[in-house]
Amino acid sequence: MEEIFVETAKDESADIQLQYAVLCTADPQVSDPVLSKVYSLLVIMTCGKCETETVFVYDISRTRDRALEITRVMCDNTVTPCTVKEILDDIL
């Protein structure tokens, strides 16, 4: 597994820190080396000093550029783990 992008967003007024990571893995059932790359999204939200919420979404894209574009939209809009799937539904 390869981590290719990590971005952090903060909402100081709510004491929230969000971390967005794009992870690249290979789909063993696809023989094409380009199409076998699977880009997934990990979002980690930390509230205060100890409360954490995470979500992992497998296969948001099969291209690096599109996965990074999606992740930047998430970060720019400080999307939290509980709303990631709904936002992805709108984007995809």
PDB file of N, CA and C in Angstrom:
ATOM      1  N   MET A   1       0.846  -1.165   0.000  1.00  0.00           N
ATOM      2  CA  MET A   1       0.000   0.000   0.000  1.00  0.00           C
ATOM      3  C   MET A   1       0.893   1.229   0.000  1.00  0.00           C
ATOM      4  N   GLU A   2       0.494   2.206  -0.788  1.00  0.00           N
ATOM      5  CA  GLU A   2       1.265   3.432  -0.902  1.00  0.00           C
ATOM      6  C   GLU A   2       0.379   4.619  -0.533  1.00  0.00           C
ATOM      7  N   GLU A   3       0.841   5.435   0.393  1.00  0.00           N
ATOM      8  CA  GLU A   3       0.133   6.658   0.744  1.00  0.00           C
ATOM      9  C   GLU A   3       0.651   7.742  -0.181  1.00  0.00           C
ATOM     10  N   ILE A   4      -0.239   8.383  -0.955  1.00  0.00           N
ATOM     11  CA  ILE A   4       0.256   9.328  -1.949  1.00  0.00           C
ATOM     12  C   ILE A   4      -0.107  10.776  -1.673  1.00  0.00           C
ATOM     13  N   PHE A   5      -1.004  11.017  -0.737  1.00  0.00           N
ATOM     14  CA  PHE A   5      -1.417  12.388  -0.481  1.00  0.00           C
ATOM     15  C   PHE A   5      -1.995  12.488   0.917  1.00  0.00           C
ATOM     16  N   VAL A   6      -1.540  13.446   1.655  1.00  0.00           N
ATOM     17  CA  VAL A   6      -2.118  13.710   2.974  1.00  0.00           C
ATOM     18  C   VAL A   6      -2.304  15.216   3.085  1.00  0.00           C
ATOM     19  N   GLU A   7      -3.498  15.613   3.475  1.00  0.00           N
ATOM     20  CA  GLU A   7      -3.808  17.028   3.657  1.00  0.00           C
ATOM     21  C   GLU A   7      -4.535  17.183   4.985  1.00  0.00           C
ATOM     22  N   THR A   8      -4.316  18.300   5.637  1.00  0.00           N
ATOM     23  CA  THR A   8      -4.946  18.563   6.925  1.00  0.00           C
ATOM     24  C   THR A   8      -5.747  19.850   6.851  1.00  0.00           C
ATOM     25  N   ALA A   9      -6.945  19.814   7.446  1.00  0.00           N
ATOM     26  CA  ALA A   9      -7.783  21.005   7.559  1.00  0.00           C
ATOM     27  C   ALA A   9      -8.153  21.174   9.019  1.00  0.00           C
ATOM     28  N   LYS A  10      -8.296  22.428   9.446  1.00  0.00           N
ATOM     29  CA  LYS A  10      -8.654  22.698  10.838  1.00  0.00           C
ATOM     30  C   LYS A  10      -9.839  23.647  10.896  1.00  0.00           C
ATOM     31  N   ASP A  11     -10.694  23.391  11.861  1.00  0.00           N
ATOM     32  CA  ASP A  11     -11.765  24.307  12.199  1.00  0.00           C
ATOM     33  C   ASP A  11     -11.516  24.697  13.648  1.00  0.00           C
ATOM     34  N   GLU A  12     -10.800  25.794  13.822  1.00  0.00           N
ATOM     35  CA  GLU A  12     -10.370  26.208  15.163  1.00  0.00           C
ATOM     36  C   GLU A  12     -11.550  26.521  16.083  1.00  0.00           C
ATOM     37  N   SER A  13     -12.619  27.085  15.513  1.00  0.00           N
ATOM     38  CA  SER A  13     -13.760  27.452  16.350  1.00  0.00           C
ATOM     39  C   SER A  13     -14.453  26.226  16.942  1.00  0.00           C
ATOM     40  N   ALA A  14     -14.417  25.099  16.219  1.00  0.00           N
ATOM     41  CA  ALA A  14     -15.037  23.868  16.712  1.00  0.00           C
ATOM     42  C   ALA A  14     -14.011  22.917  17.317  1.00  0.00           C
ATOM     43  N   ASP A  15     -12.736  23.309  17.345  1.00  0.00           N
ATOM     44  CA  ASP A  15     -11.655  22.467  17.866  1.00  0.00           C
ATOM     45  C   ASP A  15     -11.606  21.114  17.150  1.00  0.00           C
ATOM     46  N   ILE A  16     -11.669  21.175  15.801  1.00  0.00           N
ATOM     47  CA  ILE A  16     -11.658  19.967  14.971  1.00  0.00           C
ATOM     48  C   ILE A  16     -10.454  20.008  14.039  1.00  0.00           C
ATOM     49  N   GLN A  17      -9.793  18.875  13.909  1.00  0.00           N
ATOM     50  CA  GLN A  17      -8.735  18.711  12.924  1.00  0.00           C
ATOM     51  C   GLN A  17      -9.110  17.525  12.034  1.00  0.00           C
ATOM     52  N   LEU A  18      -9.021  17.733  10.731  1.00  0.00           N
ATOM     53  CA  LEU A  18      -9.350  16.686   9.764  1.00  0.00           C
ATOM     54  C   LEU A  18      -8.114  16.340   8.957  1.00  0.00           C
ATOM     55  N   GLN A  19      -7.898  15.070   8.754  1.00  0.00           N
ATOM     56  CA  GLN A  19      -6.781  14.602   7.936  1.00  0.00           C
ATOM     57  C   GLN A  19      -7.346  13.732   6.826  1.00  0.00           C
ATOM     58  N   TYR A  20      -6.925  14.017   5.596  1.00  0.00           N
ATOM     59  CA  TYR A  20      -7.389  13.297   4.411  1.00  0.00           C
ATOM     60  C   TYR A  20      -6.193  12.606   3.771  1.00  0.00           C
ATOM     61  N   ALA A  21      -6.309  11.317   3.536  1.00  0.00           N
ATOM     62  CA  ALA A  21      -5.214  10.560   2.925  1.00  0.00           C
ATOM     63  C   ALA A  21      -5.740   9.741   1.761  1.00  0.00           C
ATOM     64  N   VAL A  22      -4.999   9.756   0.668  1.00  0.00           N
ATOM     65  CA  VAL A  22      -5.291   8.898  -0.475  1.00  0.00           C
ATOM     66  C   VAL A  22      -4.305   7.740  -0.423  1.00  0.00           C
ATOM     67  N   LEU A  23      -4.831   6.536  -0.484  1.00  0.00           N
ATOM     68  CA  LEU A  23      -4.010   5.333  -0.433  1.00  0.00           C
ATOM     69  C   LEU A  23      -4.149   4.587  -1.751  1.00  0.00           C
ATOM     70  N   CYS A  24      -3.051   4.085  -2.251  1.00  0.00           N
ATOM     71  CA  CYS A  24      -3.052   3.356  -3.515  1.00  0.00           C
ATOM     72  C   CYS A  24      -2.699   1.898  -3.246  1.00  0.00           C
ATOM     73  N   THR A  25      -3.568   1.009  -3.713  1.00  0.00           N
ATOM     74  CA  THR A  25      -3.331  -0.429  -3.615  1.00  0.00           C
ATOM     75  C   THR A  25      -3.540  -1.034  -4.996  1.00  0.00           C
ATOM     76  N   ALA A  26      -3.264  -2.311  -5.123  1.00  0.00           N
ATOM     77  CA  ALA A  26      -3.444  -3.003  -6.397  1.00  0.00           C
ATOM     78  C   ALA A  26      -4.592  -3.996  -6.293  1.00  0.00           C
ATOM     79  N   ASP A  27      -5.400  -4.042  -7.339  1.00  0.00           N
ATOM     80  CA  ASP A  27      -6.479  -5.015  -7.426  1.00  0.00           C
ATOM     81  C   ASP A  27      -5.903  -6.282  -8.042  1.00  0.00           C
ATOM     82  N   PRO A  28      -5.769  -7.356  -7.287  1.00  0.00           N
ATOM     83  CA  PRO A  28      -5.121  -8.572  -7.799  1.00  0.00           C
ATOM     84  C   PRO A  28      -5.918  -9.272  -8.892  1.00  0.00           C
ATOM     85  N   GLN A  29      -7.171  -8.901  -9.070  1.00  0.00           N
ATOM     86  CA  GLN A  29      -8.000  -9.558 -10.085  1.00  0.00           C
ATOM     87  C   GLN A  29      -7.959  -8.866 -11.438  1.00  0.00           C
ATOM     88  N   VAL A  30      -7.227  -7.745 -11.520  1.00  0.00           N
ATOM     89  CA  VAL A  30      -7.102  -7.013 -12.780  1.00  0.00           C
ATOM     90  C   VAL A  30      -5.658  -7.108 -13.243  1.00  0.00           C
ATOM     91  N   SER A  31      -5.454  -7.612 -14.462  1.00  0.00           N
ATOM     92  CA  SER A  31      -4.090  -7.832 -14.947  1.00  0.00           C
ATOM     93  C   SER A  31      -3.449  -6.571 -15.526  1.00  0.00           C
ATOM     94  N   ASP A  32      -4.227  -5.627 -15.995  1.00  0.00           N
ATOM     95  CA  ASP A  32      -3.687  -4.392 -16.559  1.00  0.00           C
ATOM     96  C   ASP A  32      -3.028  -3.573 -15.444  1.00  0.00           C
ATOM     97  N   PRO A  33      -1.727  -3.243 -15.581  1.00  0.00           N
ATOM     98  CA  PRO A  33      -1.029  -2.545 -14.503  1.00  0.00           C
ATOM     99  C   PRO A  33      -1.577  -1.145 -14.210  1.00  0.00           C
ATOM    100  N   VAL A  34      -2.168  -0.490 -15.193  1.00  0.00           N
ATOM    101  CA  VAL A  34      -2.731   0.842 -14.971  1.00  0.00           C
ATOM    102  C   VAL A  34      -4.101   0.735 -14.291  1.00  0.00           C
ATOM    103  N   LEU A  35      -4.946  -0.115 -14.816  1.00  0.00           N
ATOM    104  CA  LEU A  35      -6.304  -0.252 -14.276  1.00  0.00           C
ATOM    105  C   LEU A  35      -6.349  -0.994 -12.945  1.00  0.00           C
ATOM    106  N   SER A  36      -5.284  -1.695 -12.622  1.00  0.00           N
ATOM    107  CA  SER A  36      -5.285  -2.444 -11.360  1.00  0.00           C
ATOM    108  C   SER A  36      -5.033  -1.553 -10.149  1.00  0.00           C
ATOM    109  N   LYS A  37      -4.636  -0.300 -10.373  1.00  0.00           N
ATOM    110  CA  LYS A  37      -4.416   0.622  -9.258  1.00  0.00           C
ATOM    111  C   LYS A  37      -5.758   1.088  -8.713  1.00  0.00           C
ATOM    112  N   VAL A  38      -5.897   0.967  -7.408  1.00  0.00           N
ATOM    113  CA  VAL A  38      -7.127   1.347  -6.721  1.00  0.00           C
ATOM    114  C   VAL A  38      -6.789   2.462  -5.730  1.00  0.00           C
ATOM    115  N   TYR A  39      -7.436   3.599  -5.889  1.00  0.00           N
ATOM    116  CA  TYR A  39      -7.204   4.733  -4.998  1.00  0.00           C
ATOM    117  C   TYR A  39      -8.366   4.831  -4.020  1.00  0.00           C
ATOM    118  N   SER A  40      -8.036   4.850  -2.749  1.00  0.00           N
ATOM    119  CA  SER A  40      -9.032   4.886  -1.685  1.00  0.00           C
ATOM    120  C   SER A  40      -8.796   6.110  -0.812  1.00  0.00           C
ATOM    121  N   LEU A  41      -9.819   6.466  -0.041  1.00  0.00           N
ATOM    122  CA  LEU A  41      -9.772   7.668   0.778  1.00  0.00           C
ATOM    123  C   LEU A  41      -9.924   7.318   2.251  1.00  0.00           C
ATOM    124  N   LEU A  42      -9.064   7.894   3.065  1.00  0.00           N
ATOM    125  CA  LEU A  42      -9.152   7.766   4.520  1.00  0.00           C
ATOM    126  C   LEU A  42      -9.319   9.166   5.099  1.00  0.00           C
ATOM    127  N   VAL A  43     -10.358   9.350   5.915  1.00  0.00           N
ATOM    128  CA  VAL A  43     -10.590  10.640   6.576  1.00  0.00           C
ATOM    129  C   VAL A  43     -10.593  10.394   8.080  1.00  0.00           C
ATOM    130  N   ILE A  44      -9.776  11.167   8.780  1.00  0.00           N
ATOM    131  CA  ILE A  44      -9.673  11.058  10.236  1.00  0.00           C
ATOM    132  C   ILE A  44     -10.011  12.418  10.828  1.00  0.00           C
ATOM    133  N   MET A  45     -10.964  12.435  11.750  1.00  0.00           N
ATOM    134  CA  MET A  45     -11.346  13.673  12.430  1.00  0.00           C
ATOM    135  C   MET A  45     -11.016  13.538  13.910  1.00  0.00           C
ATOM    136  N   THR A  46     -10.315  14.523  14.428  1.00  0.00           N
ATOM    137  CA  THR A  46     -10.000  14.570  15.850  1.00  0.00           C
ATOM    138  C   THR A  46     -10.681  15.793  16.440  1.00  0.00           C
ATOM    139  N   CYS A  47     -11.482  15.554  17.460  1.00  0.00           N
ATOM    140  CA  CYS A  47     -12.177  16.635  18.175  1.00  0.00           C
ATOM    141  C   CYS A  47     -11.546  16.771  19.547  1.00  0.00           C
ATOM    142  N   GLY A  48     -11.178  17.978  19.878  1.00  0.00           N
ATOM    143  CA  GLY A  48     -10.563  18.173  21.183  1.00  0.00           C
ATOM    144  C   GLY A  48      -9.245  17.431  21.265  1.00  0.00           C
ATOM    145  N   LYS A  49      -9.020  16.795  22.388  1.00  0.00           N
ATOM    146  CA  LYS A  49      -7.745  16.111  22.585  1.00  0.00           C
ATOM    147  C   LYS A  49      -7.821  14.606  22.426  1.00  0.00           C
ATOM    148  N   CYS A  50      -9.040  14.019  22.483  1.00  0.00           N
ATOM    149  CA  CYS A  50      -9.051  12.562  22.482  1.00  0.00           C
ATOM    150  C   CYS A  50     -10.130  11.911  21.622  1.00  0.00           C
ATOM    151  N   GLU A  51     -11.165  12.608  21.225  1.00  0.00           N
ATOM    152  CA  GLU A  51     -12.233  11.988  20.456  1.00  0.00           C
ATOM    153  C   GLU A  51     -11.847  11.913  18.979  1.00  0.00           C
ATOM    154  N   THR A  52     -11.956  10.710  18.392  1.00  0.00           N
ATOM    155  CA  THR A  52     -11.571  10.501  16.999  1.00  0.00           C
ATOM    156  C   THR A  52     -12.660   9.743  16.267  1.00  0.00           C
ATOM    157  N   GLU A  53     -12.875  10.147  15.003  1.00  0.00           N
ATOM    158  CA  GLU A  53     -13.818   9.463  14.124  1.00  0.00           C
ATOM    159  C   GLU A  53     -13.107   9.251  12.793  1.00  0.00           C
ATOM    160  N   THR A  54     -13.257   8.064  12.204  1.00  0.00           N
ATOM    161  CA  THR A  54     -12.610   7.782  10.926  1.00  0.00           C
ATOM    162  C   THR A  54     -13.586   7.138   9.960  1.00  0.00           C
ATOM    163  N   VAL A  55     -13.269   7.293   8.675  1.00  0.00           N
ATOM    164  CA  VAL A  55     -13.998   6.580   7.625  1.00  0.00           C
ATOM    165  C   VAL A  55     -12.989   6.237   6.532  1.00  0.00           C
ATOM    166  N   PHE A  56     -13.130   5.029   5.993  1.00  0.00           N
ATOM    167  CA  PHE A  56     -12.291   4.571   4.891  1.00  0.00           C
ATOM    168  C   PHE A  56     -13.218   4.194   3.746  1.00  0.00           C
ATOM    169  N   VAL A  57     -12.968   4.766   2.574  1.00  0.00           N
ATOM    170  CA  VAL A  57     -13.782   4.461   1.395  1.00  0.00           C
ATOM    171  C   VAL A  57     -12.866   3.845   0.348  1.00  0.00           C
ATOM    172  N   TYR A  58     -13.118   2.586   0.063  1.00  0.00           N
ATOM    173  CA  TYR A  58     -12.310   1.834  -0.902  1.00  0.00           C
ATOM    174  C   TYR A  58     -12.727   2.193  -2.320  1.00  0.00           C
ATOM    175  N   ASP A  59     -11.745   2.415  -3.184  1.00  0.00           N
ATOM    176  CA  ASP A  59     -11.950   2.592  -4.627  1.00  0.00           C
ATOM    177  C   ASP A  59     -12.781   3.823  -4.976  1.00  0.00           C
ATOM    178  N   ILE A  60     -12.242   4.999  -4.671  1.00  0.00           N
ATOM    179  CA  ILE A  60     -12.915   6.224  -5.100  1.00  0.00           C
ATOM    180  C   ILE A  60     -12.562   6.556  -6.545  1.00  0.00           C
ATOM    181  N   SER A  61     -11.467   5.973  -7.042  1.00  0.00           N
ATOM    182  CA  SER A  61     -11.052   6.214  -8.421  1.00  0.00           C
ATOM    183  C   SER A  61     -10.013   5.175  -8.834  1.00  0.00           C
ATOM    184  N   ARG A  62      -9.858   5.027 -10.136  1.00  0.00           N
ATOM    185  CA  ARG A  62      -8.792   4.174 -10.681  1.00  0.00           C
ATOM    186  C   ARG A  62      -7.689   5.022 -11.303  1.00  0.00           C
ATOM    187  N   THR A  63      -7.806   6.368 -11.171  1.00  0.00           N
ATOM    188  CA  THR A  63      -6.745   7.255 -11.650  1.00  0.00           C
ATOM    189  C   THR A  63      -6.274   8.155 -10.515  1.00  0.00           C
ATOM    190  N   ARG A  64      -4.985   8.391 -10.479  1.00  0.00           N
ATOM    191  CA  ARG A  64      -4.368   9.197  -9.421  1.00  0.00           C
ATOM    192  C   ARG A  64      -4.909  10.624  -9.421  1.00  0.00           C
ATOM    193  N   ASP A  65      -4.952  11.245 -10.595  1.00  0.00           N
ATOM    194  CA  ASP A  65      -5.382  12.638 -10.684  1.00  0.00           C
ATOM    195  C   ASP A  65      -6.805  12.830 -10.171  1.00  0.00           C
ATOM    196  N   ARG A  66      -7.708  11.931 -10.542  1.00  0.00           N
ATOM    197  CA  ARG A  66      -9.104  12.050 -10.097  1.00  0.00           C
ATOM    198  C   ARG A  66      -9.208  11.838  -8.586  1.00  0.00           C
ATOM    199  N   ALA A  67      -8.446  10.896  -8.052  1.00  0.00           N
ATOM    200  CA  ALA A  67      -8.461  10.648  -6.604  1.00  0.00           C
ATOM    201  C   ALA A  67      -7.968  11.873  -5.848  1.00  0.00           C
ATOM    202  N   LEU A  68      -6.925  12.508  -6.342  1.00  0.00           N
ATOM    203  CA  LEU A  68      -6.404  13.716  -5.692  1.00  0.00           C
ATOM    204  C   LEU A  68      -7.393  14.870  -5.805  1.00  0.00           C
ATOM    205  N   GLU A  69      -8.051  14.983  -6.944  1.00  0.00           N
ATOM    206  CA  GLU A  69      -9.055  16.031  -7.141  1.00  0.00           C
ATOM    207  C   GLU A  69     -10.211  15.867  -6.141  1.00  0.00           C
ATOM    208  N   ILE A  70     -10.696  14.653  -5.992  1.00  0.00           N
ATOM    209  CA  ILE A  70     -11.777  14.371  -5.047  1.00  0.00           C
ATOM    210  C   ILE A  70     -11.344  14.704  -3.623  1.00  0.00           C
ATOM    211  N   THR A  71     -10.133  14.322  -3.273  1.00  0.00           N
ATOM    212  CA  THR A  71      -9.626  14.554  -1.926  1.00  0.00           C
ATOM    213  C   THR A  71      -9.465  16.038  -1.641  1.00  0.00           C
ATOM    214  N   ARG A  72      -9.011  16.784  -2.623  1.00  0.00           N
ATOM    215  CA  ARG A  72      -8.864  18.233  -2.426  1.00  0.00           C
ATOM    216  C   ARG A  72     -10.225  18.909  -2.227  1.00  0.00           C
ATOM    217  N   VAL A  73     -11.236  18.441  -2.939  1.00  0.00           N
ATOM    218  CA  VAL A  73     -12.592  18.973  -2.731  1.00  0.00           C
ATOM    219  C   VAL A  73     -13.033  18.704  -1.295  1.00  0.00           C
ATOM    220  N   MET A  74     -12.776  17.490  -0.821  1.00  0.00           N
ATOM    221  CA  MET A  74     -13.136  17.131   0.555  1.00  0.00           C
ATOM    222  C   MET A  74     -12.426  18.052   1.545  1.00  0.00           C
ATOM    223  N   CYS A  75     -11.140  18.242   1.352  1.00  0.00           N
ATOM    224  CA  CYS A  75     -10.345  19.062   2.265  1.00  0.00           C
ATOM    225  C   CYS A  75     -10.765  20.525   2.211  1.00  0.00           C
ATOM    226  N   ASP A  76     -10.942  21.066   1.017  1.00  0.00           N
ATOM    227  CA  ASP A  76     -11.321  22.474   0.872  1.00  0.00           C
ATOM    228  C   ASP A  76     -12.659  22.779   1.542  1.00  0.00           C
ATOM    229  N   ASN A  77     -13.519  21.766   1.616  1.00  0.00           N
ATOM    230  CA  ASN A  77     -14.844  21.952   2.207  1.00  0.00           C
ATOM    231  C   ASN A  77     -14.959  21.361   3.608  1.00  0.00           C
ATOM    232  N   THR A  78     -13.829  20.977   4.185  1.00  0.00           N
ATOM    233  CA  THR A  78     -13.749  20.374   5.528  1.00  0.00           C
ATOM    234  C   THR A  78     -14.862  19.355   5.774  1.00  0.00           C
ATOM    235  N   VAL A  79     -14.919  18.389   4.869  1.00  0.00           N
ATOM    236  CA  VAL A  79     -15.917  17.329   4.959  1.00  0.00           C
ATOM    237  C   VAL A  79     -15.531  16.375   6.092  1.00  0.00           C
ATOM    238  N   THR A  80     -16.483  16.096   6.959  1.00  0.00           N
ATOM    239  CA  THR A  80     -16.247  15.222   8.109  1.00  0.00           C
ATOM    240  C   THR A  80     -16.542  13.767   7.748  1.00  0.00           C
ATOM    241  N   PRO A  81     -16.017  12.818   8.523  1.00  0.00           N
ATOM    242  CA  PRO A  81     -16.226  11.399   8.222  1.00  0.00           C
ATOM    243  C   PRO A  81     -17.697  10.998   8.079  1.00  0.00           C
ATOM    244  N   CYS A  82     -18.574  11.603   8.860  1.00  0.00           N
ATOM    245  CA  CYS A  82     -19.981  11.187   8.802  1.00  0.00           C
ATOM    246  C   CYS A  82     -20.683  11.628   7.518  1.00  0.00           C
ATOM    247  N   THR A  83     -20.102  12.577   6.771  1.00  0.00           N
ATOM    248  CA  THR A  83     -20.740  13.035   5.529  1.00  0.00           C
ATOM    249  C   THR A  83     -19.960  12.686   4.272  1.00  0.00           C
ATOM    250  N   VAL A  84     -18.839  11.985   4.421  1.00  0.00           N
ATOM    251  CA  VAL A  84     -17.995  11.651   3.273  1.00  0.00           C
ATOM    252  C   VAL A  84     -18.766  10.883   2.196  1.00  0.00           C
ATOM    253  N   LYS A  85     -19.498   9.871   2.567  1.00  0.00           N
ATOM    254  CA  LYS A  85     -20.174   9.025   1.575  1.00  0.00           C
ATOM    255  C   LYS A  85     -21.244   9.805   0.800  1.00  0.00           C
ATOM    256  N   GLU A  86     -21.955  10.697   1.473  1.00  0.00           N
ATOM    257  CA  GLU A  86     -22.960  11.499   0.783  1.00  0.00           C
ATOM    258  C   GLU A  86     -22.306  12.457  -0.213  1.00  0.00           C
ATOM    259  N   ILE A  87     -21.199  13.065   0.196  1.00  0.00           N
ATOM    260  CA  ILE A  87     -20.486  13.982  -0.699  1.00  0.00           C
ATOM    261  C   ILE A  87     -19.925  13.207  -1.898  1.00  0.00           C
ATOM    262  N   LEU A  88     -19.380  12.024  -1.659  1.00  0.00           N
ATOM    263  CA  LEU A  88     -18.879  11.202  -2.761  1.00  0.00           C
ATOM    264  C   LEU A  88     -19.995  10.829  -3.729  1.00  0.00           C
ATOM    265  N   ASP A  89     -21.173  10.540  -3.206  1.00  0.00           N
ATOM    266  CA  ASP A  89     -22.314  10.257  -4.083  1.00  0.00           C
ATOM    267  C   ASP A  89     -22.601  11.427  -5.003  1.00  0.00           C
ATOM    268  N   ASP A  90     -22.477  12.647  -4.487  1.00  0.00           N
ATOM    269  CA  ASP A  90     -22.710  13.843  -5.305  1.00  0.00           C
ATOM    270  C   ASP A  90     -21.600  14.052  -6.341  1.00  0.00           C
ATOM    271  N   ILE A  91     -20.368  13.783  -5.935  1.00  0.00           N
ATOM    272  CA  ILE A  91     -19.220  13.993  -6.819  1.00  0.00           C
ATOM    273  C   ILE A  91     -19.157  12.936  -7.909  1.00  0.00           C
ATOM    274  N   LEU A  92     -19.337  11.691  -7.525  1.00  0.00           N
ATOM    275  CA  LEU A  92     -19.198  10.591  -8.473  1.00  0.00           C
ATOM    276  C   LEU A  92     -20.496  10.406  -9.224  1.00  0.00           C
TER     277      LEU A  92
END
